[in-house]
N, C-alpha and C. Protein backbone atom coordinates (compact mmCIF):
# COMPACT_ATOMS: atom_id res chain seq x y z
N UNK A 1 4.96 -80.80 -126.98
CA UNK A 1 6.05 -79.83 -126.84
C UNK A 1 6.00 -79.25 -125.44
N UNK A 2 7.14 -79.19 -124.73
CA UNK A 2 7.16 -78.73 -123.34
C UNK A 2 6.91 -77.24 -123.28
N UNK A 3 6.15 -76.81 -122.31
CA UNK A 3 5.90 -75.39 -122.11
C UNK A 3 6.83 -74.86 -121.04
N UNK A 4 7.10 -73.55 -121.06
CA UNK A 4 8.00 -72.93 -120.08
C UNK A 4 7.14 -72.27 -119.03
N UNK A 5 7.42 -72.54 -117.76
CA UNK A 5 6.65 -71.94 -116.69
C UNK A 5 7.46 -71.95 -115.42
N UNK A 6 6.89 -71.43 -114.34
CA UNK A 6 7.58 -71.37 -113.05
C UNK A 6 7.65 -72.77 -112.45
N UNK A 7 8.87 -73.21 -112.13
CA UNK A 7 9.06 -74.55 -111.60
C UNK A 7 9.92 -74.53 -110.36
N UNK A 8 9.86 -75.62 -109.63
CA UNK A 8 10.69 -75.81 -108.44
C UNK A 8 11.62 -76.97 -108.72
N UNK A 9 12.89 -76.86 -108.32
CA UNK A 9 13.88 -77.89 -108.63
C UNK A 9 13.59 -79.18 -107.88
N UNK A 10 13.77 -80.28 -108.57
CA UNK A 10 13.66 -81.61 -107.98
C UNK A 10 15.04 -82.16 -107.71
N UNK A 11 15.20 -83.07 -106.75
CA UNK A 11 16.51 -83.67 -106.50
C UNK A 11 17.05 -84.42 -107.70
N UNK A 12 16.19 -84.82 -108.63
CA UNK A 12 16.68 -85.60 -109.77
C UNK A 12 17.20 -84.72 -110.90
N UNK A 13 17.31 -83.42 -110.65
CA UNK A 13 17.85 -82.52 -111.66
C UNK A 13 16.81 -81.97 -112.61
N UNK A 14 15.56 -82.33 -112.42
CA UNK A 14 14.51 -81.81 -113.29
C UNK A 14 13.77 -80.68 -112.60
N UNK A 15 12.52 -80.47 -113.02
CA UNK A 15 11.73 -79.41 -112.42
C UNK A 15 10.30 -79.89 -112.32
N UNK A 16 9.57 -79.31 -111.38
CA UNK A 16 8.16 -79.64 -111.26
C UNK A 16 7.39 -78.34 -111.12
N UNK A 17 6.11 -78.33 -111.51
CA UNK A 17 5.34 -77.09 -111.41
C UNK A 17 5.10 -76.73 -109.97
N UNK A 18 5.07 -75.43 -109.68
CA UNK A 18 4.71 -74.98 -108.35
C UNK A 18 3.24 -75.27 -108.10
N UNK A 19 2.84 -75.22 -106.84
CA UNK A 19 1.45 -75.53 -106.49
C UNK A 19 0.50 -74.65 -107.28
N UNK A 20 -0.48 -75.27 -107.91
CA UNK A 20 -1.47 -74.53 -108.68
C UNK A 20 -1.06 -74.26 -110.10
N UNK A 21 0.19 -74.63 -110.47
CA UNK A 21 0.66 -74.36 -111.82
C UNK A 21 0.69 -75.64 -112.64
N UNK A 22 0.70 -75.50 -113.94
CA UNK A 22 0.77 -76.65 -114.84
C UNK A 22 1.87 -76.41 -115.84
N UNK A 23 2.80 -77.32 -115.96
CA UNK A 23 3.85 -77.21 -116.97
C UNK A 23 4.49 -78.56 -117.17
N UNK A 24 5.34 -78.63 -118.17
CA UNK A 24 6.11 -79.82 -118.43
C UNK A 24 7.57 -79.45 -118.31
N UNK A 25 8.44 -80.42 -118.07
CA UNK A 25 9.86 -80.13 -117.95
C UNK A 25 10.63 -80.99 -118.93
N UNK A 26 11.97 -80.88 -118.84
CA UNK A 26 12.78 -81.56 -119.83
C UNK A 26 13.39 -82.84 -119.27
N UNK A 27 12.79 -83.42 -118.27
CA UNK A 27 13.31 -84.68 -117.75
C UNK A 27 13.03 -85.81 -118.74
N UNK A 28 13.75 -86.92 -118.56
CA UNK A 28 13.56 -88.06 -119.46
C UNK A 28 12.15 -88.60 -119.34
N UNK A 29 11.58 -89.12 -120.42
CA UNK A 29 10.22 -89.67 -120.37
C UNK A 29 10.10 -90.78 -119.35
N UNK A 30 8.88 -90.98 -118.86
CA UNK A 30 8.63 -92.01 -117.87
C UNK A 30 9.05 -93.38 -118.41
N UNK A 31 9.82 -94.10 -117.59
CA UNK A 31 10.23 -95.43 -117.98
C UNK A 31 11.57 -95.48 -118.68
N UNK A 32 12.16 -94.30 -118.99
CA UNK A 32 13.46 -94.30 -119.67
C UNK A 32 14.57 -94.47 -118.66
N UNK A 33 15.78 -94.75 -119.14
CA UNK A 33 16.94 -94.97 -118.28
C UNK A 33 17.61 -93.64 -117.99
N UNK A 34 17.31 -93.03 -116.86
CA UNK A 34 17.89 -91.74 -116.46
C UNK A 34 18.90 -91.99 -115.37
N UNK A 35 20.15 -92.27 -115.77
CA UNK A 35 21.18 -92.61 -114.79
C UNK A 35 21.51 -91.44 -113.89
N UNK A 36 21.46 -90.20 -114.45
CA UNK A 36 21.76 -89.03 -113.62
C UNK A 36 20.72 -88.89 -112.53
N UNK A 37 19.45 -89.08 -112.87
CA UNK A 37 18.40 -88.98 -111.87
C UNK A 37 18.56 -90.04 -110.80
N UNK A 38 18.94 -91.25 -111.19
CA UNK A 38 19.12 -92.33 -110.22
C UNK A 38 20.25 -92.01 -109.27
N UNK A 39 21.31 -91.38 -109.81
CA UNK A 39 22.46 -91.07 -108.96
C UNK A 39 22.12 -89.95 -107.98
N UNK A 40 21.45 -88.88 -108.48
CA UNK A 40 21.17 -87.75 -107.62
C UNK A 40 20.08 -88.07 -106.61
N UNK A 41 19.23 -89.04 -106.91
CA UNK A 41 18.18 -89.42 -105.97
C UNK A 41 18.80 -89.98 -104.69
N UNK A 42 19.99 -90.53 -104.78
CA UNK A 42 20.65 -91.09 -103.60
C UNK A 42 21.57 -90.08 -102.92
N UNK A 43 21.63 -88.86 -103.47
CA UNK A 43 22.54 -87.85 -102.94
C UNK A 43 22.11 -87.40 -101.55
N UNK A 44 23.07 -87.37 -100.63
CA UNK A 44 22.79 -86.94 -99.26
C UNK A 44 23.83 -85.92 -98.83
N UNK A 45 23.52 -85.21 -97.75
CA UNK A 45 24.47 -84.24 -97.22
C UNK A 45 24.45 -82.93 -98.00
N UNK A 46 25.46 -82.11 -97.71
CA UNK A 46 25.55 -80.77 -98.30
C UNK A 46 26.79 -80.67 -99.19
N UNK A 47 26.60 -80.20 -100.42
CA UNK A 47 27.70 -80.06 -101.37
C UNK A 47 27.70 -78.63 -101.89
N UNK A 48 28.74 -77.86 -101.49
CA UNK A 48 28.84 -76.46 -101.91
C UNK A 48 29.29 -76.38 -103.36
N UNK A 49 28.57 -75.58 -104.16
CA UNK A 49 28.88 -75.42 -105.58
C UNK A 49 29.66 -74.14 -105.82
N UNK A 50 29.31 -73.05 -105.13
CA UNK A 50 29.99 -71.76 -105.30
C UNK A 50 29.86 -70.95 -104.02
N UNK A 51 30.90 -70.17 -103.71
CA UNK A 51 30.87 -69.31 -102.52
C UNK A 51 31.27 -67.90 -102.92
N UNK A 52 30.84 -66.93 -102.13
CA UNK A 52 31.04 -65.52 -102.43
C UNK A 52 31.94 -64.89 -101.36
N UNK A 53 33.25 -65.03 -101.53
CA UNK A 53 34.21 -64.48 -100.56
C UNK A 53 34.18 -62.95 -100.57
N UNK A 54 33.91 -62.37 -101.72
CA UNK A 54 33.86 -60.91 -101.83
C UNK A 54 32.78 -60.32 -100.93
N UNK A 55 31.65 -61.01 -100.83
CA UNK A 55 30.55 -60.51 -100.00
C UNK A 55 30.96 -60.46 -98.53
N UNK A 56 31.69 -61.47 -98.07
CA UNK A 56 32.13 -61.49 -96.67
C UNK A 56 33.13 -60.39 -96.39
N UNK A 57 33.87 -59.97 -97.44
CA UNK A 57 34.82 -58.89 -97.28
C UNK A 57 34.13 -57.53 -97.29
N UNK A 58 33.12 -57.38 -98.13
CA UNK A 58 32.47 -56.08 -98.31
C UNK A 58 31.34 -55.82 -97.32
N UNK A 59 30.82 -56.89 -96.69
CA UNK A 59 29.66 -56.72 -95.82
C UNK A 59 29.90 -57.34 -94.43
N UNK A 60 29.26 -56.74 -93.45
CA UNK A 60 29.20 -57.33 -92.11
C UNK A 60 27.90 -58.14 -92.05
N UNK A 61 28.02 -59.45 -91.88
CA UNK A 61 26.85 -60.33 -91.90
C UNK A 61 26.08 -60.22 -90.58
N UNK A 62 24.80 -59.88 -90.67
CA UNK A 62 23.95 -59.76 -89.49
C UNK A 62 23.21 -61.05 -89.18
N UNK A 63 22.74 -61.72 -90.24
CA UNK A 63 22.00 -62.97 -90.07
C UNK A 63 21.98 -63.72 -91.41
N UNK A 64 21.91 -65.03 -91.34
CA UNK A 64 21.87 -65.82 -92.57
C UNK A 64 20.56 -66.61 -92.66
N UNK A 65 20.18 -66.90 -93.90
CA UNK A 65 18.96 -67.65 -94.19
C UNK A 65 19.26 -68.68 -95.27
N UNK A 66 18.51 -69.77 -95.27
CA UNK A 66 18.58 -70.74 -96.35
C UNK A 66 17.31 -70.61 -97.18
N UNK A 67 17.49 -70.47 -98.51
CA UNK A 67 16.35 -70.31 -99.40
C UNK A 67 16.44 -71.29 -100.55
N UNK A 68 15.29 -71.71 -101.05
CA UNK A 68 15.24 -72.50 -102.26
C UNK A 68 15.25 -71.58 -103.46
N UNK A 69 15.37 -72.15 -104.64
CA UNK A 69 15.41 -71.38 -105.88
C UNK A 69 14.44 -71.98 -106.89
N UNK A 70 13.74 -71.13 -107.62
CA UNK A 70 12.92 -71.60 -108.73
C UNK A 70 13.83 -71.70 -109.95
N UNK A 71 14.12 -72.93 -110.38
CA UNK A 71 15.08 -73.17 -111.45
C UNK A 71 14.49 -74.04 -112.55
N UNK A 72 15.01 -73.89 -113.74
CA UNK A 72 14.68 -74.78 -114.85
C UNK A 72 15.57 -76.01 -114.78
N UNK A 73 15.16 -77.08 -115.47
CA UNK A 73 15.94 -78.32 -115.44
C UNK A 73 17.36 -78.14 -115.94
N UNK A 74 17.55 -77.32 -117.00
CA UNK A 74 18.89 -77.10 -117.53
C UNK A 74 19.76 -76.35 -116.54
N UNK A 75 19.15 -75.49 -115.72
CA UNK A 75 19.91 -74.75 -114.70
C UNK A 75 20.43 -75.70 -113.62
N UNK A 76 19.60 -76.64 -113.23
CA UNK A 76 20.02 -77.62 -112.22
C UNK A 76 21.20 -78.43 -112.72
N UNK A 77 21.15 -78.84 -113.97
CA UNK A 77 22.24 -79.63 -114.55
C UNK A 77 23.53 -78.83 -114.62
N UNK A 78 23.45 -77.53 -114.99
CA UNK A 78 24.64 -76.68 -115.02
C UNK A 78 25.19 -76.45 -113.62
N UNK A 79 24.29 -76.32 -112.64
CA UNK A 79 24.73 -76.16 -111.25
C UNK A 79 25.51 -77.37 -110.79
N UNK A 80 25.00 -78.55 -111.10
CA UNK A 80 25.69 -79.78 -110.69
C UNK A 80 27.09 -79.87 -111.31
N UNK A 81 27.25 -79.26 -112.50
CA UNK A 81 28.56 -79.27 -113.16
C UNK A 81 29.45 -78.13 -112.66
N UNK A 82 28.89 -77.25 -111.80
CA UNK A 82 29.68 -76.17 -111.21
C UNK A 82 29.78 -74.92 -112.06
N UNK A 83 28.95 -74.78 -113.09
CA UNK A 83 29.03 -73.64 -114.00
C UNK A 83 28.17 -72.48 -113.48
N UNK A 84 28.61 -71.85 -112.39
CA UNK A 84 27.83 -70.79 -111.76
C UNK A 84 28.76 -69.77 -111.11
N UNK A 85 28.33 -68.51 -111.11
CA UNK A 85 29.06 -67.44 -110.42
C UNK A 85 28.06 -66.59 -109.65
N UNK A 86 28.36 -66.33 -108.37
CA UNK A 86 27.46 -65.53 -107.55
C UNK A 86 28.11 -64.22 -107.09
N UNK A 87 29.28 -63.88 -107.63
CA UNK A 87 30.03 -62.71 -107.18
C UNK A 87 29.21 -61.43 -107.31
N UNK A 88 28.49 -61.26 -108.41
CA UNK A 88 27.74 -60.02 -108.65
C UNK A 88 26.26 -60.14 -108.30
N UNK A 89 25.86 -61.24 -107.69
CA UNK A 89 24.44 -61.46 -107.42
C UNK A 89 23.97 -60.70 -106.18
N UNK A 90 22.69 -60.37 -106.17
CA UNK A 90 22.07 -59.71 -105.02
C UNK A 90 20.58 -60.00 -105.04
N UNK A 91 19.95 -59.83 -103.90
CA UNK A 91 18.51 -60.10 -103.78
C UNK A 91 17.77 -58.81 -103.43
N UNK A 92 16.58 -58.66 -104.00
CA UNK A 92 15.73 -57.50 -103.73
C UNK A 92 14.27 -57.90 -103.76
N UNK A 93 13.45 -57.00 -103.22
CA UNK A 93 12.01 -57.22 -103.23
C UNK A 93 11.43 -56.92 -104.61
N UNK A 94 10.47 -57.73 -105.02
CA UNK A 94 9.70 -57.47 -106.24
C UNK A 94 8.28 -57.95 -106.02
N UNK A 95 7.37 -57.00 -105.91
CA UNK A 95 5.95 -57.30 -105.71
C UNK A 95 5.72 -58.22 -104.51
N UNK A 96 6.39 -57.91 -103.41
CA UNK A 96 6.19 -58.65 -102.17
C UNK A 96 6.95 -59.95 -102.07
N UNK A 97 7.73 -60.30 -103.09
CA UNK A 97 8.54 -61.52 -103.08
C UNK A 97 10.02 -61.14 -103.11
N UNK A 98 10.88 -62.13 -102.84
CA UNK A 98 12.32 -61.91 -102.92
C UNK A 98 12.85 -62.55 -104.19
N UNK A 99 13.58 -61.76 -104.96
CA UNK A 99 14.12 -62.22 -106.23
C UNK A 99 15.64 -62.11 -106.20
N UNK A 100 16.29 -63.05 -106.86
CA UNK A 100 17.75 -63.06 -106.96
C UNK A 100 18.15 -62.56 -108.34
N UNK A 101 18.95 -61.50 -108.36
CA UNK A 101 19.37 -60.87 -109.61
C UNK A 101 20.86 -61.13 -109.88
N UNK A 102 21.20 -61.18 -111.15
CA UNK A 102 22.59 -61.22 -111.61
C UNK A 102 23.33 -62.50 -111.24
N UNK A 103 22.62 -63.53 -110.83
CA UNK A 103 23.24 -64.84 -110.64
C UNK A 103 23.51 -65.43 -112.01
N UNK A 104 24.75 -65.82 -112.28
CA UNK A 104 25.11 -66.35 -113.60
C UNK A 104 25.21 -67.87 -113.55
N UNK A 105 24.29 -68.52 -114.23
CA UNK A 105 24.34 -69.97 -114.42
C UNK A 105 24.50 -70.21 -115.91
N UNK A 106 25.65 -70.76 -116.30
CA UNK A 106 25.93 -70.95 -117.72
C UNK A 106 24.90 -71.87 -118.36
N UNK A 107 24.66 -71.67 -119.66
CA UNK A 107 23.75 -72.55 -120.38
C UNK A 107 24.26 -73.99 -120.32
N UNK A 108 23.34 -74.92 -120.27
CA UNK A 108 23.69 -76.34 -120.23
C UNK A 108 24.19 -76.77 -121.61
N UNK A 109 25.35 -77.41 -121.63
CA UNK A 109 25.99 -77.76 -122.89
C UNK A 109 25.17 -78.65 -123.79
N UNK A 110 24.29 -79.49 -123.20
CA UNK A 110 23.49 -80.41 -124.00
C UNK A 110 22.03 -79.97 -124.06
N UNK A 111 21.79 -78.69 -123.73
CA UNK A 111 20.42 -78.19 -123.76
C UNK A 111 19.96 -77.92 -125.19
N UNK A 112 18.66 -77.77 -125.34
CA UNK A 112 18.07 -77.50 -126.65
C UNK A 112 17.49 -76.09 -126.63
N UNK A 113 16.41 -75.88 -127.38
CA UNK A 113 15.75 -74.57 -127.37
C UNK A 113 15.18 -74.22 -126.00
N UNK A 114 15.09 -75.20 -125.12
CA UNK A 114 14.56 -74.94 -123.78
C UNK A 114 15.63 -74.40 -122.84
N UNK A 115 16.87 -74.21 -123.33
CA UNK A 115 17.94 -73.72 -122.47
C UNK A 115 17.58 -72.37 -121.86
N UNK A 116 18.14 -72.10 -120.69
CA UNK A 116 17.81 -70.91 -119.92
C UNK A 116 18.70 -69.73 -120.30
N UNK A 117 18.27 -68.52 -119.94
CA UNK A 117 19.10 -67.32 -120.06
C UNK A 117 20.02 -67.27 -118.84
N UNK A 118 21.35 -67.16 -119.03
CA UNK A 118 22.31 -67.29 -117.92
C UNK A 118 22.06 -66.35 -116.75
N UNK A 119 21.68 -65.11 -117.01
CA UNK A 119 21.53 -64.14 -115.91
C UNK A 119 20.07 -63.76 -115.66
N UNK A 120 19.16 -64.66 -115.92
CA UNK A 120 17.75 -64.32 -115.71
C UNK A 120 17.48 -64.14 -114.22
N UNK A 121 16.43 -63.39 -113.90
CA UNK A 121 16.02 -63.18 -112.52
C UNK A 121 15.34 -64.44 -112.00
N UNK A 122 15.70 -64.84 -110.77
CA UNK A 122 15.17 -66.10 -110.22
C UNK A 122 14.49 -65.84 -108.87
N UNK A 123 13.36 -66.49 -108.68
CA UNK A 123 12.60 -66.31 -107.44
C UNK A 123 13.20 -67.14 -106.32
N UNK A 124 13.27 -66.52 -105.13
CA UNK A 124 13.75 -67.21 -103.94
C UNK A 124 12.56 -67.77 -103.17
N UNK A 125 12.72 -68.96 -102.62
CA UNK A 125 11.65 -69.65 -101.92
C UNK A 125 11.93 -69.69 -100.41
N UNK A 126 11.12 -68.96 -99.67
CA UNK A 126 11.18 -68.96 -98.20
C UNK A 126 9.75 -68.95 -97.67
N UNK A 127 9.62 -69.21 -96.37
CA UNK A 127 8.30 -69.12 -95.75
C UNK A 127 7.85 -67.66 -95.74
N UNK A 128 6.57 -67.44 -95.82
CA UNK A 128 6.02 -66.10 -95.86
C UNK A 128 6.47 -65.27 -94.66
N UNK A 129 6.50 -65.89 -93.50
CA UNK A 129 6.91 -65.16 -92.28
C UNK A 129 8.35 -64.68 -92.41
N UNK A 130 9.23 -65.54 -92.95
CA UNK A 130 10.63 -65.16 -93.13
C UNK A 130 10.75 -64.02 -94.14
N UNK A 131 10.01 -64.11 -95.24
CA UNK A 131 10.06 -63.06 -96.26
C UNK A 131 9.66 -61.72 -95.66
N UNK A 132 8.58 -61.69 -94.88
CA UNK A 132 8.11 -60.44 -94.29
C UNK A 132 9.14 -59.86 -93.33
N UNK A 133 9.79 -60.73 -92.54
CA UNK A 133 10.83 -60.24 -91.62
C UNK A 133 12.02 -59.67 -92.37
N UNK A 134 12.43 -60.36 -93.43
CA UNK A 134 13.57 -59.89 -94.22
C UNK A 134 13.25 -58.56 -94.89
N UNK A 135 12.05 -58.45 -95.46
CA UNK A 135 11.66 -57.22 -96.13
C UNK A 135 11.65 -56.04 -95.16
N UNK A 136 11.21 -56.29 -93.94
CA UNK A 136 11.21 -55.23 -92.92
C UNK A 136 12.65 -54.77 -92.63
N UNK A 137 13.57 -55.71 -92.55
CA UNK A 137 14.98 -55.38 -92.29
C UNK A 137 15.61 -54.66 -93.48
N UNK A 138 15.21 -55.05 -94.70
CA UNK A 138 15.79 -54.43 -95.89
C UNK A 138 15.37 -52.96 -96.03
N UNK A 139 14.29 -52.59 -95.38
CA UNK A 139 13.85 -51.20 -95.45
C UNK A 139 14.66 -50.30 -94.54
N UNK A 140 15.48 -50.89 -93.67
CA UNK A 140 16.36 -50.11 -92.81
C UNK A 140 17.57 -49.65 -93.63
N UNK A 141 17.97 -48.39 -93.49
CA UNK A 141 19.10 -47.86 -94.28
C UNK A 141 20.38 -48.66 -94.07
N UNK A 142 21.05 -48.95 -95.17
CA UNK A 142 22.35 -49.63 -95.10
C UNK A 142 22.30 -51.13 -95.18
N UNK A 143 21.11 -51.73 -95.07
CA UNK A 143 20.99 -53.18 -95.10
C UNK A 143 20.85 -53.69 -96.54
N UNK A 144 21.38 -54.89 -96.76
CA UNK A 144 21.29 -55.52 -98.09
C UNK A 144 21.14 -57.02 -97.89
N UNK A 145 20.70 -57.68 -98.96
CA UNK A 145 20.55 -59.15 -98.94
C UNK A 145 21.43 -59.71 -100.04
N UNK A 146 22.47 -60.44 -99.64
CA UNK A 146 23.45 -60.95 -100.61
C UNK A 146 23.63 -62.45 -100.44
N UNK A 147 23.88 -63.15 -101.53
CA UNK A 147 24.12 -64.60 -101.44
C UNK A 147 25.56 -64.88 -101.01
N UNK A 148 25.72 -65.79 -100.06
CA UNK A 148 27.05 -66.20 -99.61
C UNK A 148 27.52 -67.47 -100.28
N UNK A 149 26.58 -68.36 -100.59
CA UNK A 149 26.96 -69.61 -101.24
C UNK A 149 25.75 -70.25 -101.89
N UNK A 150 26.02 -71.13 -102.85
CA UNK A 150 25.00 -71.97 -103.47
C UNK A 150 25.45 -73.40 -103.28
N UNK A 151 24.52 -74.27 -102.89
CA UNK A 151 24.89 -75.65 -102.58
C UNK A 151 23.69 -76.56 -102.80
N UNK A 152 23.97 -77.86 -102.82
CA UNK A 152 22.91 -78.86 -102.83
C UNK A 152 22.81 -79.45 -101.43
N UNK A 153 21.61 -79.45 -100.89
CA UNK A 153 21.35 -80.01 -99.57
C UNK A 153 20.36 -81.15 -99.72
N UNK A 154 20.84 -82.38 -99.49
CA UNK A 154 20.01 -83.57 -99.70
C UNK A 154 19.45 -83.61 -101.12
N UNK A 155 20.24 -83.12 -102.08
CA UNK A 155 19.84 -83.16 -103.47
C UNK A 155 19.07 -81.95 -103.97
N UNK A 156 18.73 -81.02 -103.06
CA UNK A 156 17.95 -79.84 -103.46
C UNK A 156 18.86 -78.63 -103.55
N UNK A 157 18.71 -77.82 -104.60
CA UNK A 157 19.51 -76.61 -104.78
C UNK A 157 19.06 -75.55 -103.77
N UNK A 158 20.03 -75.01 -103.03
CA UNK A 158 19.76 -74.00 -102.01
C UNK A 158 20.74 -72.84 -102.15
N UNK A 159 20.35 -71.69 -101.62
CA UNK A 159 21.25 -70.54 -101.57
C UNK A 159 21.29 -70.02 -100.14
N UNK A 160 22.51 -69.76 -99.65
CA UNK A 160 22.68 -69.16 -98.32
C UNK A 160 22.67 -67.65 -98.49
N UNK A 161 21.69 -67.00 -97.90
CA UNK A 161 21.54 -65.55 -98.00
C UNK A 161 22.00 -64.88 -96.72
N UNK A 162 22.60 -63.71 -96.87
CA UNK A 162 23.03 -62.95 -95.69
C UNK A 162 22.31 -61.61 -95.66
N UNK A 163 21.64 -61.33 -94.55
CA UNK A 163 21.20 -59.97 -94.29
C UNK A 163 22.43 -59.26 -93.78
N UNK A 164 22.89 -58.26 -94.50
CA UNK A 164 24.20 -57.69 -94.22
C UNK A 164 24.18 -56.17 -94.34
N UNK A 165 25.22 -55.59 -93.76
CA UNK A 165 25.40 -54.14 -93.82
C UNK A 165 26.77 -53.86 -94.42
N UNK A 166 26.83 -52.95 -95.38
CA UNK A 166 28.09 -52.64 -96.04
C UNK A 166 29.14 -52.11 -95.08
N UNK A 167 30.35 -52.62 -95.21
CA UNK A 167 31.46 -52.16 -94.37
C UNK A 167 32.03 -50.86 -94.91
N UNK A 168 32.48 -50.01 -93.98
CA UNK A 168 33.24 -48.84 -94.39
C UNK A 168 34.67 -49.26 -94.71
N UNK A 169 35.40 -48.42 -95.40
CA UNK A 169 36.78 -48.76 -95.77
C UNK A 169 37.61 -49.05 -94.54
N UNK A 170 37.37 -48.31 -93.45
CA UNK A 170 38.11 -48.56 -92.22
C UNK A 170 37.84 -49.97 -91.70
N UNK A 171 36.57 -50.36 -91.73
CA UNK A 171 36.19 -51.70 -91.27
C UNK A 171 36.86 -52.78 -92.11
N UNK A 172 36.93 -52.55 -93.44
CA UNK A 172 37.56 -53.52 -94.32
C UNK A 172 39.05 -53.67 -94.00
N UNK A 173 39.71 -52.52 -93.76
CA UNK A 173 41.14 -52.57 -93.44
C UNK A 173 41.36 -53.28 -92.11
N UNK A 174 40.48 -53.03 -91.15
CA UNK A 174 40.59 -53.70 -89.85
C UNK A 174 40.42 -55.20 -89.99
N UNK A 175 39.47 -55.62 -90.82
CA UNK A 175 39.24 -57.06 -91.02
C UNK A 175 40.44 -57.71 -91.69
N UNK A 176 41.04 -57.03 -92.66
CA UNK A 176 42.23 -57.57 -93.33
C UNK A 176 43.40 -57.67 -92.37
N UNK A 177 43.57 -56.63 -91.55
CA UNK A 177 44.67 -56.64 -90.58
C UNK A 177 44.49 -57.77 -89.56
N UNK A 178 43.24 -57.97 -89.13
CA UNK A 178 42.97 -59.05 -88.17
C UNK A 178 43.22 -60.42 -88.80
N UNK A 179 42.83 -60.57 -90.06
CA UNK A 179 43.06 -61.84 -90.76
C UNK A 179 44.55 -62.12 -90.90
N UNK A 180 45.32 -61.09 -91.28
CA UNK A 180 46.77 -61.26 -91.43
C UNK A 180 47.42 -61.59 -90.11
N UNK A 181 46.96 -60.93 -89.03
CA UNK A 181 47.52 -61.20 -87.71
C UNK A 181 47.23 -62.64 -87.28
N UNK A 182 46.03 -63.11 -87.54
CA UNK A 182 45.68 -64.49 -87.18
C UNK A 182 46.50 -65.49 -87.98
N UNK A 183 46.77 -65.19 -89.23
CA UNK A 183 47.60 -66.07 -90.05
C UNK A 183 49.02 -66.14 -89.50
N UNK A 184 49.56 -64.97 -89.08
CA UNK A 184 50.92 -64.94 -88.55
C UNK A 184 51.00 -65.70 -87.23
N UNK A 185 49.96 -65.59 -86.41
CA UNK A 185 49.92 -66.34 -85.14
C UNK A 185 49.90 -67.83 -85.43
N UNK A 186 49.09 -68.23 -86.43
CA UNK A 186 49.01 -69.65 -86.78
C UNK A 186 50.35 -70.16 -87.29
N UNK A 187 51.05 -69.35 -88.10
CA UNK A 187 52.37 -69.76 -88.60
C UNK A 187 53.37 -69.91 -87.46
N UNK A 188 53.36 -68.92 -86.55
CA UNK A 188 54.29 -68.96 -85.41
C UNK A 188 54.02 -70.18 -84.53
N UNK A 189 52.75 -70.47 -84.30
CA UNK A 189 52.40 -71.63 -83.49
C UNK A 189 52.83 -72.92 -84.18
N UNK A 190 52.65 -72.96 -85.51
CA UNK A 190 53.07 -74.14 -86.27
C UNK A 190 54.57 -74.35 -86.18
N UNK A 191 55.35 -73.25 -86.29
CA UNK A 191 56.81 -73.37 -86.19
C UNK A 191 57.22 -73.83 -84.80
N UNK A 192 56.51 -73.31 -83.79
CA UNK A 192 56.82 -73.68 -82.40
C UNK A 192 56.56 -75.16 -82.16
N UNK A 193 55.39 -75.62 -82.63
CA UNK A 193 55.04 -77.03 -82.43
C UNK A 193 55.97 -77.95 -83.21
N UNK A 194 56.37 -77.50 -84.40
CA UNK A 194 57.28 -78.28 -85.21
C UNK A 194 58.65 -78.41 -84.54
N UNK A 195 59.10 -77.32 -83.90
CA UNK A 195 60.37 -77.32 -83.19
C UNK A 195 60.34 -78.26 -81.99
N UNK A 196 59.20 -78.26 -81.29
CA UNK A 196 59.08 -79.16 -80.12
C UNK A 196 59.09 -80.61 -80.56
N UNK A 197 58.44 -80.87 -81.71
CA UNK A 197 58.41 -82.26 -82.21
C UNK A 197 59.81 -82.76 -82.55
N UNK A 198 60.59 -81.88 -83.18
CA UNK A 198 61.95 -82.27 -83.53
C UNK A 198 62.81 -82.45 -82.30
N UNK A 199 62.57 -81.61 -81.26
CA UNK A 199 63.35 -81.72 -80.05
C UNK A 199 63.03 -82.99 -79.29
C-alpha cells in the first residue's frame, strides 16, 4: 500500500521522494504500459497552465523567480489537464521555508483514496540562497510574494513568483489609463496602416 509523504514532481506525471525521504507514489508499476508517461517524457519547452492577471493589476512587480513545487502524482495529472486556479494564491514563510497557500488544484478525476486536498499548502523549491534573499525582502513593509503563472518547463511543474508591492488605487487607475491609451494608439495605427494598404 502506497504511503503519503513529501515528494517532488517527475516529468512523467508521478512523484519521487525528496532526498533522504522514503515513499511510494501512484505511478504505474514497473514494466506496465504508461502511455502518459511516455508522452510527457518527450515534452519540451514551456507550456503555461494558468496565469494570474489580477496580481499584475494589484501589484507592482519588483522581481520574478522560478520555483519548483512539491506535488503529489494526482496533482501533476490535474495540472496537465488545466484544472488549477492561482487567483487567490500567495506565498509566505513557514519555519524558514517558502510555502504556497490557497493554490487550488482540483482533485484528479481518476484518483483513488490517494487523491489530494485541492487547497492544501504546498512547499516551494528554490536554492537556499534565493530563499534567504526573498525572506529578507519580504520583511520589508509592503512587500509580498505572489504567483504570476504556473507552467511546465521541459516537463517539470514550475511556478513564476513575483516579489511585489501592492499598488495604491491611484497607481491602479494610472495603469488602466495607460493600458487604454496604448490600445487606442494601436487601433489608430492599425486603421492608418489599413488605409495605406487600400490606397
